Protein backbone atom coordinates (compact mmCIF):
# COMPACT_ATOMS: atom_id res chain seq x y z
CA MET A 1 0.00 0.00 0.00
CA PRO A 2 1.54 3.34 -1.03
CA ILE A 3 2.46 5.87 1.62
CA ILE A 4 0.13 8.88 1.72
CA THR A 5 2.04 12.15 1.92
CA HIS A 6 1.19 15.79 2.52
CA GLU A 7 1.76 16.30 -1.19
CA ASP A 8 -1.21 14.01 -1.93
CA GLU A 9 -3.52 16.27 0.09
CA LEU A 10 -2.14 19.33 -1.68
CA ILE A 11 -2.93 17.63 -5.00
CA LEU A 12 -6.47 16.98 -3.72
CA SER A 13 -6.82 20.63 -2.79
CA LYS A 14 -5.71 21.67 -6.28
CA LEU A 15 -8.17 19.24 -7.88
CA GLU A 16 -11.01 20.52 -5.67
CA LYS A 17 -10.34 24.05 -6.93
CA GLU A 18 -10.37 22.81 -10.51
CA LEU A 19 -13.65 21.00 -9.83
CA ALA A 20 -15.16 24.19 -8.37
CA SER A 21 -14.22 26.01 -11.57
CA ARG A 22 -15.86 23.28 -13.69
CA VAL A 23 -19.04 23.42 -11.60
CA ASN A 24 -19.23 27.18 -12.12
CA ASN A 25 -18.78 26.67 -15.86
CA VAL A 26 -21.63 24.14 -15.97
CA ALA A 27 -23.86 26.50 -13.96
CA LYS A 28 -23.11 29.27 -16.47
CA ASN A 29 -24.13 27.03 -19.38
CA GLN A 30 -27.26 25.90 -17.53
CA ARG A 31 -28.29 29.55 -17.22
CA SER A 32 -28.06 29.86 -21.01
CA VAL A 33 -30.17 26.73 -21.49
CA MET A 34 -32.82 27.96 -19.03
CA LYS A 35 -32.89 31.32 -20.84
CA ALA A 36 -33.61 29.48 -24.11
CA GLN A 37 -36.32 27.39 -22.42
CA LYS A 38 -37.96 30.54 -21.04
CA THR A 39 -37.88 32.05 -24.54
CA LEU A 40 -39.56 28.89 -25.88
CA ALA A 41 -42.22 29.19 -23.16
CA ASP A 42 -42.84 32.83 -24.12
CA ASP A 43 -43.17 31.88 -27.79
CA LEU A 44 -45.59 29.05 -26.95
CA SER A 45 -47.62 31.43 -24.80
CA GLU A 46 -47.94 33.81 -27.76
CA LEU A 47 -48.92 30.87 -29.99
CA ASN A 48 -51.58 29.82 -27.50
CA ILE A 49 -53.04 33.33 -27.42
CA ALA A 50 -53.23 33.26 -31.23
CA ARG A 51 -54.84 29.82 -31.16
CA GLN A 52 -57.42 30.96 -28.59
CA SER A 53 -58.33 33.83 -30.90
CA LEU A 54 -58.54 31.39 -33.80
CA ASN A 55 -60.83 29.13 -31.79
CA ARG A 56 -63.18 31.99 -30.90
CA THR A 57 -63.66 32.74 -34.60
CA MET A 58 -63.95 29.05 -35.39
CA ARG A 59 -66.73 28.76 -32.78
CA ASP A 60 -68.55 31.65 -34.48
CA VAL A 61 -68.28 29.80 -37.79
CA LEU A 62 -69.50 26.59 -36.16
CA LYS A 63 -72.45 28.36 -34.57
CA GLN A 64 -73.44 29.81 -37.93
CA LEU A 65 -73.06 26.41 -39.62
CA GLN A 66 -75.27 24.80 -36.97
CA THR A 67 -77.92 27.45 -37.54
CA LEU A 68 -77.87 27.01 -41.30
CA ASN A 69 -77.77 23.22 -41.01
CA ARG A 70 -81.22 23.31 -39.48
CA GLU A 71 -82.55 24.82 -42.70
CA SER A 72 -83.20 22.23 -45.36
CA ARG A 73 -82.60 24.72 -48.17
CA SER A 74 -79.08 25.69 -47.03
CA ASN A 75 -75.88 24.29 -48.52
CA VAL A 76 -74.58 23.31 -45.05
CA LYS A 77 -74.49 19.59 -44.39
CA ASP A 78 -73.99 17.56 -41.20
CA GLU A 79 -70.49 16.75 -42.41
CA ASP A 80 -69.59 20.47 -42.49
CA VAL A 81 -70.75 20.91 -38.90
CA LYS A 82 -68.83 17.81 -37.81
CA ILE A 83 -65.59 19.08 -39.41
CA TYR A 84 -65.73 22.30 -37.40
CA GLU A 85 -66.83 20.59 -34.20
CA ASP A 86 -63.76 18.34 -34.45
CA MET A 87 -61.43 21.27 -35.17
CA VAL A 88 -62.77 23.28 -32.21
CA HIS A 89 -62.41 20.25 -29.94
CA GLU A 90 -58.84 19.59 -31.12
CA ASN A 91 -57.94 23.24 -30.56
CA ASP A 92 -59.41 23.15 -27.05
CA GLU A 93 -57.31 20.08 -26.27
CA TYR A 94 -54.18 21.66 -27.72
CA ILE A 95 -54.67 24.87 -25.71
CA GLU A 96 -55.11 22.85 -22.52
CA VAL A 97 -51.96 20.79 -23.22
CA VAL A 98 -49.88 23.89 -23.91
CA ASN A 99 -51.19 25.62 -20.78
CA ASN A 100 -50.22 22.57 -18.72
CA TYR A 101 -46.80 22.58 -20.40
CA LEU A 102 -46.33 26.28 -19.70
CA ASN A 103 -47.26 25.86 -16.03
CA ALA A 104 -44.85 22.92 -15.76
CA ILE A 105 -41.98 24.74 -17.45
CA LYS A 106 -42.51 27.80 -15.23
CA ASP A 107 -42.34 25.62 -12.10
CA LEU A 108 -39.22 23.94 -13.49
CA ALA A 109 -37.59 27.27 -14.35
CA VAL A 110 -38.04 28.60 -10.81
CA LYS A 111 -36.62 25.44 -9.24
CA LYS A 112 -33.85 25.21 -11.85
CA ASP A 113 -32.79 28.78 -11.16
CA TYR A 114 -32.53 27.87 -7.48
CA LEU A 115 -30.53 24.74 -8.34
CA ILE A 116 -28.07 26.77 -10.42
CA LYS A 117 -27.69 29.20 -7.50
CA LEU A 118 -26.98 26.25 -5.19
CA GLU A 119 -24.43 24.85 -7.64
CA SER A 120 -22.56 28.16 -7.58
CA GLU A 121 -22.71 28.15 -3.78
CA PHE A 122 -21.50 24.54 -3.77
CA ALA A 123 -18.51 25.56 -5.89
CA GLY A 124 -17.78 28.34 -3.40
CA THR A 125 -17.88 25.99 -0.40
CA LEU A 126 -15.68 23.49 -2.25
CA GLU A 127 -13.12 26.17 -3.02
CA GLU A 128 -13.21 27.35 0.60
CA GLU A 129 -12.66 23.79 1.81
CA ALA A 130 -9.71 23.42 -0.60
CA ASP A 131 -8.13 26.65 0.72
CA LYS A 132 -8.54 25.52 4.33
CA ARG A 133 -7.13 22.09 3.46
CA THR A 134 -4.04 23.69 1.93
CA ASP A 135 -3.61 25.90 4.98
CA VAL A 136 -3.81 22.90 7.35
CA ILE A 137 -1.18 20.99 5.36
CA ARG A 138 1.19 23.95 5.28
CA LYS A 139 0.80 24.49 9.03
CA ALA A 140 1.36 20.76 9.66
CA LEU A 141 4.55 20.88 7.55
CA SER A 142 5.77 23.88 9.55
CA VAL A 143 5.24 21.98 12.82
CA GLU A 144 7.00 18.92 11.38
CA LYS A 145 9.98 20.98 10.25
CA ALA A 146 10.19 22.70 13.63
CA LYS A 147 10.22 19.34 15.40
CA ASN A 148 12.89 18.00 13.04
CA LYS A 149 15.04 21.02 13.87
CA MET A 150 14.50 20.28 17.55
CA ILE A 151 12.82 23.67 18.05
CA GLU A 152 11.06 23.78 21.38
CA GLY A 153 9.31 26.20 23.64
CA GLU A 154 7.15 29.14 22.60
CA LYS A 155 7.76 28.93 18.86
CA LEU A 156 6.67 25.29 18.68
CA ASP A 157 3.69 25.99 20.93
CA ARG A 158 2.66 28.89 18.68
CA LEU A 159 2.93 26.66 15.59
CA ASP A 160 0.80 24.00 17.30
CA VAL A 161 -1.85 26.59 18.17
CA GLU A 162 -1.88 27.84 14.55
CA LEU A 163 -2.21 24.26 13.30
CA ASN A 164 -5.13 23.56 15.65
CA ASP A 165 -6.83 26.81 14.60
CA SER A 166 -6.39 25.88 10.93
CA GLN A 167 -7.80 22.41 11.56
CA ARG A 168 -10.88 23.89 13.25
CA GLU A 169 -11.39 26.28 10.31
CA PHE A 170 -11.08 23.36 7.90
CA ASP A 171 -13.60 21.32 9.91
CA ARG A 172 -16.06 24.24 9.83
CA ALA A 173 -15.56 24.67 6.08
CA ARG A 174 -16.14 20.95 5.55
CA ASP A 175 -19.36 21.06 7.61
CA VAL A 176 -20.63 23.94 5.44
CA PHE A 177 -19.65 21.98 2.32
CA LEU A 178 -21.50 18.84 3.49
CA LYS A 179 -24.67 20.82 4.28
CA LYS A 180 -24.52 22.39 0.84
CA VAL A 181 -24.15 18.93 -0.76
CA GLU A 182 -27.24 17.75 1.11
CA GLN A 183 -29.20 20.82 0.03
CA LEU A 184 -28.01 20.39 -3.56
CA ASN A 185 -29.02 16.71 -3.68
CA GLU A 186 -32.52 17.47 -2.32
CA THR A 187 -33.04 20.23 -4.89
CA ARG A 188 -31.77 18.03 -7.72
CA LYS A 189 -34.38 15.43 -6.82
CA GLU A 190 -37.09 18.12 -6.90
CA VAL A 191 -35.84 19.30 -10.31
CA ASN A 192 -35.86 15.72 -11.63
CA ASP A 193 -39.47 15.32 -10.47
CA LEU A 194 -40.40 18.54 -12.27
CA TRP A 195 -38.70 17.32 -15.47
CA ILE A 196 -40.88 14.18 -15.32
CA LYS A 197 -43.96 16.36 -14.78
CA LEU A 198 -42.94 18.49 -17.77
CA LYS A 199 -42.34 15.40 -19.94
CA ASN A 200 -45.81 14.11 -19.11
CA THR A 201 -47.41 17.32 -20.42
CA ILE A 202 -45.81 16.94 -23.86
CA LYS A 203 -48.47 15.16 -25.90
CA GLY A 204 -50.36 16.18 -28.98
CA MET A 205 -48.51 19.48 -29.26
CA SER A 206 -48.80 19.79 -33.03
């Protein structure tokens, strides 16, 4: 089994900082995706408004067809009425589906925005933990060097106190990091549930 050295922990600290940077980059790209999704939702909302207006006029046509169909001398047949009844019904269904989709995507957007905020905060806590880890290792190396040089008394005591302080700061930073991980995981689950809800609304959106 290889011997673990202080250098290994310093490498971990460096990798944690790199990971924090990658997380921030993903969060930035997620913001762009959410912006595009919100634009899609706005466009669909405008389309739904137009379709509602279309359906109002189509209902007027249907009403007139139904009136004329009762007259034997008119050129309106049962088939004509049925065509418009079907189109009005299909439009009603489409409008309902899109409204459900819009509600779902709005809920998702709010929760996704919060998730992206948490991811940025997670990156911050990870970077803080990495900084505190580096500080602990450097303090530990200072104590080790002092002991190797047979330094005693106040200087060694001061170095020990600094090391203990650094360790406590690292422990606090790690606690904050772990709480943020828990919060992030809970929110990710909520976002996943909202994605499923959104997926279930996508039907018949022609």
